[in-house]
């Protein structure tokens, strides 16, 4: 029997157990919430489109995209999303919006590579829709291809084309796609919050989807957050919906079918696919120019940066200093943001994008990325082993909304492991421009051998009276000195953060592995800290 507090249903738990991740449900409730935090509400309210998943009267699953004028999405409270738009009559989910149903929703901002997911119950309201939230959670930006958008005047509704298989033109469309949206659903008799639908993003290099024939597709499943919302739903109900967006014309290609999971990615051409989702197609619906939005890839915007220094910080962590070729200062950034970089990894069909937090101060005129080597990763081993001083790396503009909150309230910066990187950038920013703001820098490491950028933090703390630090070692070495290298043995906990006595107005910023964040966040909230005073950022392959 599944515990009532468990945010996952049986299919998701089965998928997690299949790969040995049986502890996900112990910490994931800290990220999957029955309400939208204020950051998510603000995010949805400024989006130009939404992705929605549900089922038609015949039980076929579909995914669609709904766009609208500026401000067509609003959130009057934490459990409600109001949409001032209706789909046209050719939308495969038009009846759902008219009658009300369970719906999965994805908000995604392609130009900043941010996304948040939500599921709930939809009901019509005049010329719009209302969604009552059941579950809400964020996602990392990995695999999202950055695109800028623009609106075009809405034209007449073009005739749609429906069939039971893909045309040659449609197969070509899919064979060159780098983005799709997938919709799945699960319903049980216990009325759990995990009931309903899920809309999810899938991305990869152009051509990452294998077109077997006009009725069969294979979609690779890469490393993710280990929630297995999509695959867990498919284990319970194989019905699946897909939608491909023609970013140049606003056209939509909807597919409804059934899916099975190939757990060993047998015969896959993608060496980095952990599993494959095999899709058998039942219905194809193409809607030309269905959207009033057009997107252009940010291919012309990357800047070329030179690796001016490569500094080994510890056995598995290296800092890369990046500067402009013309020696002018790099584009400014806000402390806490990350830098998307494009790396030409051998045997990859196109550059691979990764995002790493900037670890230096915003006013330095250059960028520093402090990167941990992930042995099974694709990019970090290449950076550590191959990239050298003098090499060139392409990068997009710094981005991300995990930044210092404005105001004068005390700040507690909390990190574990390589999660120290955005926190150190924030510490530099406060030291340089906010000498009155009280700051506690709290960090957890195994010991001095894995304590990245220790000396730099200690230098900042020693020079600024408004900055204090607490360092915890979980397994100190014999020559580690308590009082010099670290302050206490153990791990960072919510109880220890409360004991700092920073005050009721304190903002807590957290960065580290997902389980670490869930434990800290949940403990702070149980201690009475309001959720809107807690900000967090995950890192790592499963962030």
Protein backbone atom coordinates (compact mmCIF):
# COMPACT_ATOMS: atom_id res chain seq x y z
CA UNK A 1 0.00 0.00 0.00
CA UNK A 2 1.28 3.46 -0.92
CA UNK A 3 1.64 5.92 1.95
CA UNK A 4 -0.76 8.86 1.71
CA UNK A 5 2.12 11.32 1.86
CA UNK A 6 3.87 9.69 -1.09
CA UNK A 7 3.59 11.94 -4.17
CA UNK A 8 4.07 9.00 -6.56
CA UNK A 9 1.69 6.30 -7.78
CA UNK A 10 2.49 2.61 -8.28
CA UNK A 11 3.79 2.97 -11.84
CA UNK A 12 6.25 5.73 -10.91
CA UNK A 13 7.46 3.73 -7.90
CA UNK A 14 7.92 0.67 -10.12
CA UNK A 15 10.04 2.67 -12.57
CA UNK A 16 12.15 4.13 -9.76
CA UNK A 17 12.70 0.68 -8.26
CA UNK A 18 13.64 -0.70 -11.67
CA UNK A 19 16.80 1.46 -11.72
CA UNK A 20 17.49 1.20 -8.00
CA UNK A 21 16.20 4.65 -7.00
CA UNK A 22 13.94 3.44 -4.21
CA UNK A 23 14.55 6.48 -1.99
CA UNK A 24 13.11 9.14 -4.34
CA UNK A 25 9.73 9.20 -2.62
CA UNK A 26 11.42 9.88 0.72
CA UNK A 27 12.60 13.34 -0.37
CA UNK A 28 10.68 14.33 -3.50
CA UNK A 29 7.61 15.59 -1.65
CA UNK A 30 9.68 18.68 -0.89
CA UNK A 31 9.58 19.52 -4.60
CA UNK A 32 6.14 18.22 -5.60
CA UNK A 33 3.66 20.50 -3.90
CA UNK A 34 -0.16 20.80 -3.87
CA UNK A 35 0.16 24.50 -4.69
CA UNK A 36 2.21 26.83 -6.88
CA UNK A 37 4.91 28.80 -5.07
CA UNK A 38 4.94 32.49 -5.90
CA UNK A 39 7.92 32.07 -8.25
CA UNK A 40 5.89 29.61 -10.34
CA UNK A 41 2.83 31.85 -10.35
CA UNK A 42 4.89 34.78 -11.63
CA UNK A 43 6.54 32.52 -14.21
CA UNK A 44 3.25 31.26 -15.66
CA UNK A 45 1.75 34.76 -15.75
CA UNK A 46 4.30 36.06 -18.25
CA UNK A 47 4.30 33.10 -20.67
CA UNK A 48 3.04 33.47 -24.28
CA UNK A 49 1.89 29.81 -24.50
CA UNK A 50 1.16 26.67 -22.48
CA UNK A 51 1.45 22.94 -23.24
CA UNK A 52 -1.52 20.84 -22.09
CA UNK A 53 -2.17 17.08 -22.03
CA UNK A 54 -5.44 15.22 -21.55
CA UNK A 55 -7.66 12.63 -23.26
CA UNK A 56 -10.57 12.80 -25.71
CA UNK A 57 -13.93 11.06 -25.31
CA UNK A 58 -12.55 7.85 -26.83
CA UNK A 59 -9.76 7.75 -24.24
CA UNK A 60 -7.04 8.69 -26.73
CA UNK A 61 -4.31 10.86 -25.20
CA UNK A 62 -3.31 14.12 -26.86
CA UNK A 63 -0.98 17.03 -26.24
CA UNK A 64 -1.70 20.53 -27.49
CA UNK A 65 -0.26 24.03 -27.33
CA UNK A 66 -2.44 27.00 -26.39
CA UNK A 67 -1.23 30.54 -26.98
CA UNK A 68 -2.76 33.92 -26.27
CA UNK A 69 -2.15 37.66 -26.02
CA UNK A 70 0.16 39.13 -23.41
CA UNK A 71 -1.20 38.52 -19.92
CA UNK A 72 -3.62 35.77 -20.96
CA UNK A 73 -2.46 33.66 -18.00
CA UNK A 74 -3.06 34.77 -14.40
CA UNK A 75 -2.81 33.18 -10.96
CA UNK A 76 -5.15 34.77 -8.42
CA UNK A 77 -3.93 32.43 -5.68
CA UNK A 78 -1.53 29.53 -5.12
CA UNK A 79 -3.98 26.82 -6.20
CA UNK A 80 -5.56 28.48 -9.23
CA UNK A 81 -4.42 29.25 -12.76
CA UNK A 82 -6.78 31.29 -14.97
CA UNK A 83 -6.34 31.20 -18.78
CA UNK A 84 -8.11 33.80 -20.92
CA UNK A 85 -8.08 31.82 -24.16
CA UNK A 86 -9.87 28.96 -25.87
CA UNK A 87 -8.55 26.53 -28.49
CA UNK A 88 -10.00 26.47 -31.99
CA UNK A 89 -12.49 23.78 -32.91
CA UNK A 90 -9.83 21.66 -34.67
CA UNK A 91 -7.80 21.20 -31.52
CA UNK A 92 -7.95 17.50 -30.51
CA UNK A 93 -8.66 18.57 -26.90
CA UNK A 94 -11.27 21.23 -27.69
CA UNK A 95 -14.01 19.28 -25.91
CA UNK A 96 -11.87 19.00 -22.75
CA UNK A 97 -11.70 22.76 -22.48
CA UNK A 98 -15.47 22.99 -22.96
CA UNK A 99 -16.48 20.28 -20.48
CA UNK A 100 -13.71 20.28 -17.92
CA UNK A 101 -11.37 17.40 -17.17
CA UNK A 102 -8.09 16.41 -15.58
CA UNK A 103 -5.20 18.09 -17.36
CA UNK A 104 -1.41 18.10 -17.28
CA UNK A 105 0.24 21.43 -17.92
CA UNK A 106 3.77 22.47 -18.80
CA UNK A 107 4.95 26.06 -18.72
CA UNK A 108 8.16 26.45 -20.67
CA UNK A 109 10.16 29.52 -21.66
CA UNK A 110 12.43 28.50 -24.49
CA UNK A 111 14.57 31.63 -24.62
CA UNK A 112 15.59 31.31 -20.94
CA UNK A 113 15.28 27.49 -20.84
CA UNK A 114 13.06 27.54 -17.74
CA UNK A 115 10.11 25.21 -17.19
CA UNK A 116 7.58 24.27 -14.53
CA UNK A 117 5.05 21.45 -14.52
CA UNK A 118 1.64 21.19 -12.96
CA UNK A 119 -1.41 18.95 -13.06
CA UNK A 120 -4.93 19.64 -11.92
CA UNK A 121 -8.59 19.84 -12.78
CA UNK A 122 -9.79 22.12 -15.54
CA UNK A 123 -13.15 23.86 -15.82
CA UNK A 124 -14.48 26.36 -18.40
CA UNK A 125 -15.12 29.94 -17.33
CA UNK A 126 -16.72 32.25 -19.89
CA UNK A 127 -14.24 32.63 -22.74
CA UNK A 128 -11.46 31.09 -20.73
CA UNK A 129 -10.41 28.27 -18.44
CA UNK A 130 -9.59 27.71 -14.79
CA UNK A 131 -7.21 25.02 -13.55
CA UNK A 132 -7.31 23.96 -9.91
CA UNK A 133 -3.85 22.72 -8.92
CA UNK A 134 -3.23 19.15 -7.71
CA UNK A 135 0.57 19.00 -8.02
CA UNK A 136 3.20 21.57 -9.01
CA UNK A 137 6.95 21.24 -9.42
CA UNK A 138 9.89 22.63 -11.40
CA UNK A 139 12.32 21.05 -13.84
CA UNK A 140 15.95 21.63 -14.75
CA UNK A 141 16.83 23.26 -18.11
CA UNK A 142 18.81 20.35 -19.52
CA UNK A 143 17.91 19.35 -23.11
CA UNK A 144 15.95 22.57 -23.80
CA UNK A 145 17.03 24.30 -27.02
CA UNK A 146 17.01 28.06 -26.56
CA UNK A 147 14.70 29.93 -28.95
CA UNK A 148 13.43 33.48 -29.17
CA UNK A 149 9.77 34.07 -30.01
CA UNK A 150 7.69 36.68 -31.75
CA UNK A 151 3.99 37.14 -32.50
CA UNK A 152 2.48 37.34 -35.96
CA UNK A 153 -1.03 38.50 -36.92
CA UNK A 154 -3.54 35.70 -36.53
CA UNK A 155 -4.77 34.45 -39.91
CA UNK A 156 -7.77 32.32 -40.89
CA UNK A 157 -7.87 28.80 -39.45
CA UNK A 158 -6.23 26.48 -41.97
CA UNK A 159 -7.83 23.08 -42.61
CA UNK A 160 -6.39 20.26 -40.52
CA UNK A 161 -5.32 16.89 -41.93
CA UNK A 162 -6.05 13.63 -40.10
CA UNK A 163 -4.83 10.13 -40.87
CA UNK A 164 -3.81 6.87 -39.21
CA UNK A 165 -0.16 7.11 -40.25
CA UNK A 166 2.58 9.63 -41.01
CA UNK A 167 3.13 11.03 -44.47
CA UNK A 168 6.63 11.24 -45.93
CA UNK A 169 6.67 14.97 -45.19
CA UNK A 170 5.61 14.38 -41.57
CA UNK A 171 8.26 11.69 -41.11
CA UNK A 172 10.84 14.16 -42.37
CA UNK A 173 9.55 16.75 -39.90
CA UNK A 174 10.01 14.36 -36.96
CA UNK A 175 13.36 13.04 -38.23
CA UNK A 176 14.89 16.54 -37.96
CA UNK A 177 13.10 17.67 -34.77
CA UNK A 178 15.04 18.58 -31.63
CA UNK A 179 11.97 19.11 -29.42
CA UNK A 180 8.71 17.35 -28.67
CA UNK A 181 6.09 17.44 -25.93
CA UNK A 182 4.68 14.19 -24.56
CA UNK A 183 1.48 13.61 -22.61
CA UNK A 184 0.57 10.63 -20.43
CA UNK A 185 -2.03 9.89 -17.77
CA UNK A 186 -2.84 7.76 -14.77
CA UNK A 187 -6.07 7.31 -12.83
CA UNK A 188 -6.70 5.16 -9.77
CA UNK A 189 -9.70 4.76 -7.51
CA UNK A 190 -8.07 6.37 -4.45
CA UNK A 191 -8.30 9.95 -5.77
CA UNK A 192 -4.62 10.68 -5.04
CA UNK A 193 -2.97 13.93 -6.13
CA UNK A 194 -0.86 11.88 -8.58
CA UNK A 195 -4.05 11.05 -10.51
CA UNK A 196 -4.49 12.85 -13.78
CA UNK A 197 -2.26 13.82 -16.68
CA UNK A 198 1.31 14.94 -17.18
CA UNK A 199 2.71 17.14 -19.95
CA UNK A 200 6.47 16.89 -20.37
CA UNK A 201 9.24 18.20 -22.61
CA UNK A 202 11.69 15.99 -24.47
CA UNK A 203 14.71 17.42 -26.27
CA UNK A 204 17.95 16.31 -27.85
CA UNK A 205 20.13 16.85 -30.90
CA UNK A 206 18.25 17.26 -34.18
CA UNK A 207 17.20 13.78 -35.27
CA UNK A 208 17.25 12.29 -31.77
CA UNK A 209 13.84 10.67 -32.39
CA UNK A 210 14.07 7.49 -34.44
CA UNK A 211 11.41 7.20 -37.16
CA UNK A 212 11.07 3.43 -37.67
CA UNK A 213 8.27 3.68 -40.23
CA UNK A 214 5.07 5.64 -40.79
CA UNK A 215 3.44 4.14 -37.68
CA UNK A 216 6.31 3.68 -35.26
CA UNK A 217 8.66 6.05 -33.38
CA UNK A 218 11.37 5.52 -30.78
CA UNK A 219 12.07 8.31 -28.28
CA UNK A 220 15.26 8.18 -26.16
CA UNK A 221 14.95 8.75 -22.43
CA UNK A 222 17.99 10.47 -20.94
CA UNK A 223 19.12 11.05 -17.35
CA UNK A 224 16.57 13.19 -15.51
CA UNK A 225 15.12 13.87 -12.09
CA UNK A 226 14.28 10.19 -11.41
CA UNK A 227 10.62 11.03 -10.78
CA UNK A 228 9.60 8.98 -13.85
CA UNK A 229 6.27 10.76 -14.26
CA UNK A 230 6.02 9.91 -17.97
CA UNK A 231 7.35 6.36 -17.84
CA UNK A 232 5.47 5.63 -14.62
CA UNK A 233 2.22 6.69 -16.26
CA UNK A 234 2.95 4.50 -19.28
CA UNK A 235 3.49 1.48 -17.04
CA UNK A 236 -0.04 2.01 -15.72
CA UNK A 237 -1.65 3.17 -18.97
CA UNK A 238 0.16 2.83 -22.34
CA UNK A 239 -1.89 5.57 -24.02
CA UNK A 240 0.35 8.44 -25.12
CA UNK A 241 0.07 11.77 -26.90
CA UNK A 242 2.80 13.71 -28.70
CA UNK A 243 2.96 17.12 -30.32
CA UNK A 244 5.68 18.56 -32.55
CA UNK A 245 5.87 22.32 -33.14
CA UNK A 246 6.97 23.80 -36.45
CA UNK A 247 8.79 26.74 -34.92
CA UNK A 248 9.02 28.53 -38.30
CA UNK A 249 5.32 28.38 -39.24
CA UNK A 250 3.46 27.80 -35.97
CA UNK A 251 2.16 24.47 -37.21
CA UNK A 252 1.37 21.58 -34.84
CA UNK A 253 1.69 17.86 -35.54
CA UNK A 254 -0.36 15.88 -33.00
CA UNK A 255 0.04 12.13 -32.57
CA UNK A 256 -2.04 9.79 -30.42
CA UNK A 257 -1.02 6.19 -29.84
CA UNK A 258 0.28 3.64 -27.40
CA UNK A 259 3.74 3.21 -25.93
CA UNK A 260 5.96 0.58 -24.34
CA UNK A 261 9.31 0.89 -22.56
CA UNK A 262 12.53 -0.65 -23.83
CA UNK A 263 14.55 -0.64 -20.60
CA UNK A 264 17.89 -1.47 -22.17
CA UNK A 265 17.62 0.82 -25.23
CA UNK A 266 18.24 -2.18 -27.48
CA UNK A 267 19.50 -1.30 -30.97
CA UNK A 268 19.37 2.41 -30.21
CA UNK A 269 21.64 4.67 -32.25
CA UNK A 270 21.96 7.03 -29.26
CA UNK A 271 24.74 5.96 -26.91
CA UNK A 272 23.43 8.25 -24.17
CA UNK A 273 19.86 6.92 -24.14
CA UNK A 274 19.19 5.07 -20.91
CA UNK A 275 15.83 3.74 -22.12
CA UNK A 276 13.64 4.04 -25.19
CA UNK A 277 9.93 4.84 -25.43
CA UNK A 278 8.48 2.86 -28.35
CA UNK A 279 5.39 4.57 -29.76
CA UNK A 280 2.81 2.86 -32.01
CA UNK A 281 0.75 5.49 -33.83
CA UNK A 282 -3.05 5.35 -33.97
CA UNK A 283 -4.03 8.84 -35.14
CA UNK A 284 -2.12 11.73 -36.72
CA UNK A 285 -3.54 15.26 -36.83
CA UNK A 286 -1.65 18.09 -38.52
CA UNK A 287 -2.80 21.68 -37.93
CA UNK A 288 -0.93 24.17 -40.13
CA UNK A 289 -0.27 27.63 -38.62
CA UNK A 290 -2.24 26.73 -35.50
CA UNK A 291 -0.27 29.21 -33.37
CA UNK A 292 0.28 32.95 -33.66
CA UNK A 293 3.86 32.53 -32.38
CA UNK A 294 7.06 31.95 -34.31
CA UNK A 295 10.44 30.97 -32.89
CA UNK A 296 14.00 31.40 -34.06
CA UNK A 297 16.92 29.43 -32.66
CA UNK A 298 19.55 31.39 -30.79
CA UNK A 299 22.28 30.10 -33.09
CA UNK A 300 23.60 33.54 -34.03
CA UNK A 301 23.90 34.75 -30.44
CA UNK A 302 26.62 32.59 -28.83
CA UNK A 303 29.81 34.48 -28.04
CA UNK A 304 33.25 32.91 -28.33
CA UNK A 305 35.23 32.93 -25.09
CA UNK A 306 38.83 31.99 -24.43
CA UNK A 307 39.90 29.71 -21.58
CA UNK A 308 42.45 31.96 -19.88
CA UNK A 309 43.08 29.72 -16.86
CA UNK A 310 42.29 26.16 -15.88
CA UNK A 311 42.70 25.66 -12.12
CA UNK A 312 42.34 22.32 -10.39
CA UNK A 313 40.44 22.95 -7.16
CA UNK A 314 40.31 19.33 -5.91
CA UNK A 315 40.60 15.79 -7.23
CA UNK A 316 37.36 16.03 -9.21
CA UNK A 317 36.68 19.79 -9.43
CA UNK A 318 38.28 22.25 -11.86
CA UNK A 319 37.67 25.96 -12.44
CA UNK A 320 37.65 27.35 -15.98
CA UNK A 321 38.26 31.09 -16.37
CA UNK A 322 36.66 32.49 -19.54
CA UNK A 323 37.27 35.89 -21.15
CA UNK A 324 36.39 37.64 -24.39
CA UNK A 325 38.84 37.39 -27.28
CA UNK A 326 38.98 41.20 -27.58
CA UNK A 327 39.82 41.54 -23.85
CA UNK A 328 36.73 43.69 -23.20
CA UNK A 329 34.67 42.82 -20.08
CA UNK A 330 32.25 39.93 -20.46
CA UNK A 331 28.51 40.52 -20.44
CA UNK A 332 27.28 41.28 -16.91
CA UNK A 333 25.37 38.72 -14.88
CA UNK A 334 23.54 38.52 -11.57
CA UNK A 335 25.14 36.53 -8.78
CA UNK A 336 23.62 33.05 -8.73
CA UNK A 337 23.01 32.81 -12.47
CA UNK A 338 24.42 30.10 -14.71
CA UNK A 339 26.19 30.19 -18.06
CA UNK A 340 24.96 27.96 -20.92
CA UNK A 341 27.91 26.71 -22.96
CA UNK A 342 28.09 24.80 -26.25
CA UNK A 343 30.72 22.06 -26.43
CA UNK A 344 31.80 20.17 -29.54
CA UNK A 345 32.08 16.70 -28.08
CA UNK A 346 33.53 14.06 -30.44
CA UNK A 347 31.01 11.65 -32.01
CA UNK A 348 28.10 14.00 -31.25
CA UNK A 349 26.11 15.21 -34.29
CA UNK A 350 25.88 18.77 -33.00
CA UNK A 351 27.26 20.88 -30.13
CA UNK A 352 26.10 19.75 -26.70
CA UNK A 353 24.68 22.41 -24.39
CA UNK A 354 25.22 22.39 -20.66
CA UNK A 355 24.63 25.03 -17.99
CA UNK A 356 27.03 25.62 -15.10
CA UNK A 357 26.70 28.13 -12.28
CA UNK A 358 29.05 31.09 -12.37
CA UNK A 359 31.27 30.98 -9.27
CA UNK A 360 32.98 34.39 -9.45
CA UNK A 361 31.75 37.87 -8.56
CA UNK A 362 29.59 39.69 -11.12
CA UNK A 363 32.01 42.63 -11.35
CA UNK A 364 35.15 40.70 -12.30
CA UNK A 365 34.86 41.29 -16.07
CA UNK A 366 35.24 37.58 -16.81
CA UNK A 367 33.43 34.33 -16.13
CA UNK A 368 34.49 31.43 -13.94
CA UNK A 369 32.86 28.00 -14.11
CA UNK A 370 33.79 25.59 -11.33
CA UNK A 371 32.81 22.15 -12.61
CA UNK A 372 32.76 18.77 -10.96
CA UNK A 373 33.79 15.82 -13.08
CA UNK A 374 30.93 13.34 -13.41
CA UNK A 375 32.51 10.02 -14.47
CA UNK A 376 29.44 8.94 -16.46
CA UNK A 377 28.78 12.39 -17.89
CA UNK A 378 29.16 13.45 -21.50
CA UNK A 379 30.53 16.99 -21.14
CA UNK A 380 32.32 17.33 -17.79
CA UNK A 381 34.92 14.58 -18.51
CA UNK A 382 35.64 16.24 -21.85
CA UNK A 383 36.13 19.61 -20.18
CA UNK A 384 38.41 18.16 -17.50
CA UNK A 385 40.47 15.88 -19.74
CA UNK A 386 40.61 17.65 -23.12
CA UNK A 387 39.92 21.40 -22.87
CA UNK A 388 43.07 23.40 -22.08
CA UNK A 389 44.17 27.00 -21.60
CA UNK A 390 43.88 28.92 -24.87
CA UNK A 391 40.98 26.84 -26.18
CA UNK A 392 37.75 28.55 -27.23
CA UNK A 393 34.27 27.83 -25.89
CA UNK A 394 30.99 29.22 -27.18
CA UNK A 395 28.50 30.48 -24.62
CA UNK A 396 25.05 32.03 -24.54
CA UNK A 397 24.20 34.94 -22.25
CA UNK A 398 24.09 34.23 -18.50
CA UNK A 399 20.59 33.33 -17.35
CA UNK A 400 18.57 31.97 -14.44
CA UNK A 401 16.36 33.41 -11.73
CA UNK A 402 18.15 31.92 -8.72
CA UNK A 403 19.55 35.28 -7.61
CA UNK A 404 19.85 37.30 -4.43
CA UNK A 405 16.48 38.62 -3.21
CA UNK A 406 16.30 42.40 -3.15
CA UNK A 407 16.02 44.10 0.21
CA UNK A 408 17.95 44.36 3.43
CA UNK A 409 16.70 41.22 5.19
CA UNK A 410 19.35 38.79 6.48
CA UNK A 411 20.51 36.08 4.09
CA UNK A 412 21.53 32.52 4.89
CA UNK A 413 23.42 30.90 1.99
CA UNK A 414 23.29 27.11 2.35
CA UNK A 415 25.19 24.67 0.14
CA UNK A 416 26.59 21.18 -0.05
CA UNK A 417 29.38 19.90 -2.28
CA UNK A 418 29.67 21.65 -5.65
CA UNK A 419 26.49 23.56 -4.78
CA UNK A 420 28.89 26.12 -3.32
CA UNK A 421 29.43 27.72 -6.76
CA UNK A 422 26.42 30.10 -7.04
CA UNK A 423 26.66 30.81 -3.31
CA UNK A 424 30.23 32.02 -3.62
CA UNK A 425 29.19 34.32 -6.45
CA UNK A 426 26.46 35.74 -4.19
CA UNK A 427 28.97 36.13 -1.37
CA UNK A 428 31.24 38.15 -3.68
CA UNK A 429 28.30 40.34 -4.71
CA UNK A 430 27.30 41.12 -1.12
CA UNK A 431 30.89 41.76 -0.07
CA UNK A 432 31.34 44.22 -2.94
CA UNK A 433 28.13 46.23 -2.75
CA UNK A 434 26.03 45.45 0.34
CA UNK A 435 28.23 45.78 3.44
CA UNK A 436 25.29 46.30 5.82
CA UNK A 437 23.38 43.14 4.95
CA UNK A 438 23.89 40.31 7.43
CA UNK A 439 24.95 37.07 5.77
CA UNK A 440 25.62 33.56 7.02
CA UNK A 441 27.51 31.24 4.69
CA UNK A 442 26.74 27.63 5.65
CA UNK A 443 28.41 24.81 3.75
CA UNK A 444 28.65 21.05 4.06
CA UNK A 445 31.51 18.94 2.68
CA UNK A 446 32.93 15.51 3.34
CA UNK A 447 36.36 16.84 4.38
CA UNK A 448 39.13 19.24 3.29
CA UNK A 449 39.94 17.12 0.22
CA UNK A 450 36.48 17.78 -1.21
CA UNK A 451 35.99 21.27 0.23
CA UNK A 452 36.00 23.33 -2.97
CA UNK A 453 37.07 27.01 -2.93
CA UNK A 454 37.59 26.95 0.85
CA UNK A 455 40.35 29.57 0.94
CA UNK A 456 38.38 32.03 -1.17
CA UNK A 457 35.40 31.87 1.18
CA UNK A 458 37.58 32.24 4.25
CA UNK A 459 39.25 35.30 2.72
CA UNK A 460 35.89 37.01 2.14
CA UNK A 461 34.66 36.16 5.64
CA UNK A 462 37.82 37.50 7.27
CA UNK A 463 37.56 40.86 5.47
CA UNK A 464 33.85 41.64 6.04
CA UNK A 465 32.21 41.99 9.44
CA UNK A 466 28.71 41.39 8.04
CA UNK A 467 29.63 37.90 6.78
CA UNK A 468 29.82 34.86 9.03
CA UNK A 469 30.38 31.24 8.06
CA UNK A 470 29.68 27.77 9.37
CA UNK A 471 31.32 24.73 7.78
CA UNK A 472 30.35 21.13 8.53
CA UNK A 473 32.49 18.11 7.66
CA UNK A 474 30.70 14.78 7.63
CA UNK A 475 33.93 12.69 7.49
CA UNK A 476 36.92 14.87 8.47
CA UNK A 477 40.39 13.59 7.71
CA UNK A 478 42.91 12.97 10.46
CA UNK A 479 44.78 16.19 9.65
CA UNK A 480 41.67 18.37 9.25
CA UNK A 481 41.69 21.05 11.93
CA UNK A 482 38.42 21.90 13.65
CA UNK A 483 38.28 25.63 14.03
CA UNK A 484 40.45 26.26 10.98
CA UNK A 485 39.20 23.95 8.24
CA UNK A 486 35.70 23.39 9.61
CA UNK A 487 33.46 24.35 12.53
CA UNK A 488 31.62 21.14 13.42
CA UNK A 489 31.36 17.47 12.53
CA UNK A 490 28.12 16.37 10.89
CA UNK A 491 25.81 17.56 8.16
CA UNK A 492 23.94 20.77 7.54
CA UNK A 493 20.38 20.50 8.84
CA UNK A 494 17.35 22.76 9.13
CA UNK A 495 17.66 22.62 12.92
CA UNK A 496 21.20 23.95 12.75
CA UNK A 497 20.11 26.74 10.42
CA UNK A 498 17.35 27.79 12.79
CA UNK A 499 19.85 27.76 15.67
CA UNK A 500 21.82 30.50 13.89
CA UNK A 501 19.13 32.90 15.09
CA UNK A 502 19.10 35.02 11.95
CA UNK A 503 15.55 36.19 12.65
CA UNK A 504 12.02 35.74 11.24
CA UNK A 505 12.63 37.91 8.14
CA UNK A 506 15.60 35.85 6.96
CA UNK A 507 15.81 34.64 3.34
CA UNK A 508 17.27 31.15 2.92
CA UNK A 509 18.99 30.29 -0.36
CA UNK A 510 19.80 26.61 -0.86
CA UNK A 511 21.90 24.80 -3.47
CA UNK A 512 22.93 21.16 -3.53
CA UNK A 513 21.73 17.64 -4.35
CA UNK A 514 17.98 17.15 -4.57
CA UNK A 515 17.68 15.11 -1.39
CA UNK A 516 19.74 17.63 0.58
CA UNK A 517 17.46 20.45 -0.60
CA UNK A 518 14.29 18.52 0.17
CA UNK A 519 15.44 17.75 3.72
CA UNK A 520 16.50 21.34 4.42
CA UNK A 521 13.46 22.93 2.81
CA UNK A 522 11.02 20.59 4.55
CA UNK A 523 12.73 21.08 7.91
CA UNK A 524 12.68 24.86 7.61
CA UNK A 525 8.99 24.88 6.75
CA UNK A 526 8.22 22.58 9.67
CA UNK A 527 10.08 25.05 11.88
CA UNK A 528 7.76 27.83 10.76
CA UNK A 529 9.77 29.42 7.94
CA UNK A 530 7.38 30.60 5.22
CA UNK A 531 7.90 28.89 1.85
CA UNK A 532 8.26 32.23 0.06
CA UNK A 533 11.40 32.90 2.13
CA UNK A 534 13.10 29.76 0.82
CA UNK A 535 14.81 29.76 -2.59
CA UNK A 536 16.64 26.77 -4.01
CA UNK A 537 18.59 25.42 -6.97
CA UNK A 538 19.45 21.78 -7.62
CA UNK A 539 22.55 20.54 -9.40
CA UNK A 540 23.95 17.32 -10.79
CA UNK A 541 22.97 14.76 -13.44
CA UNK A 542 19.54 14.22 -11.90
CA UNK A 543 18.70 17.79 -10.99
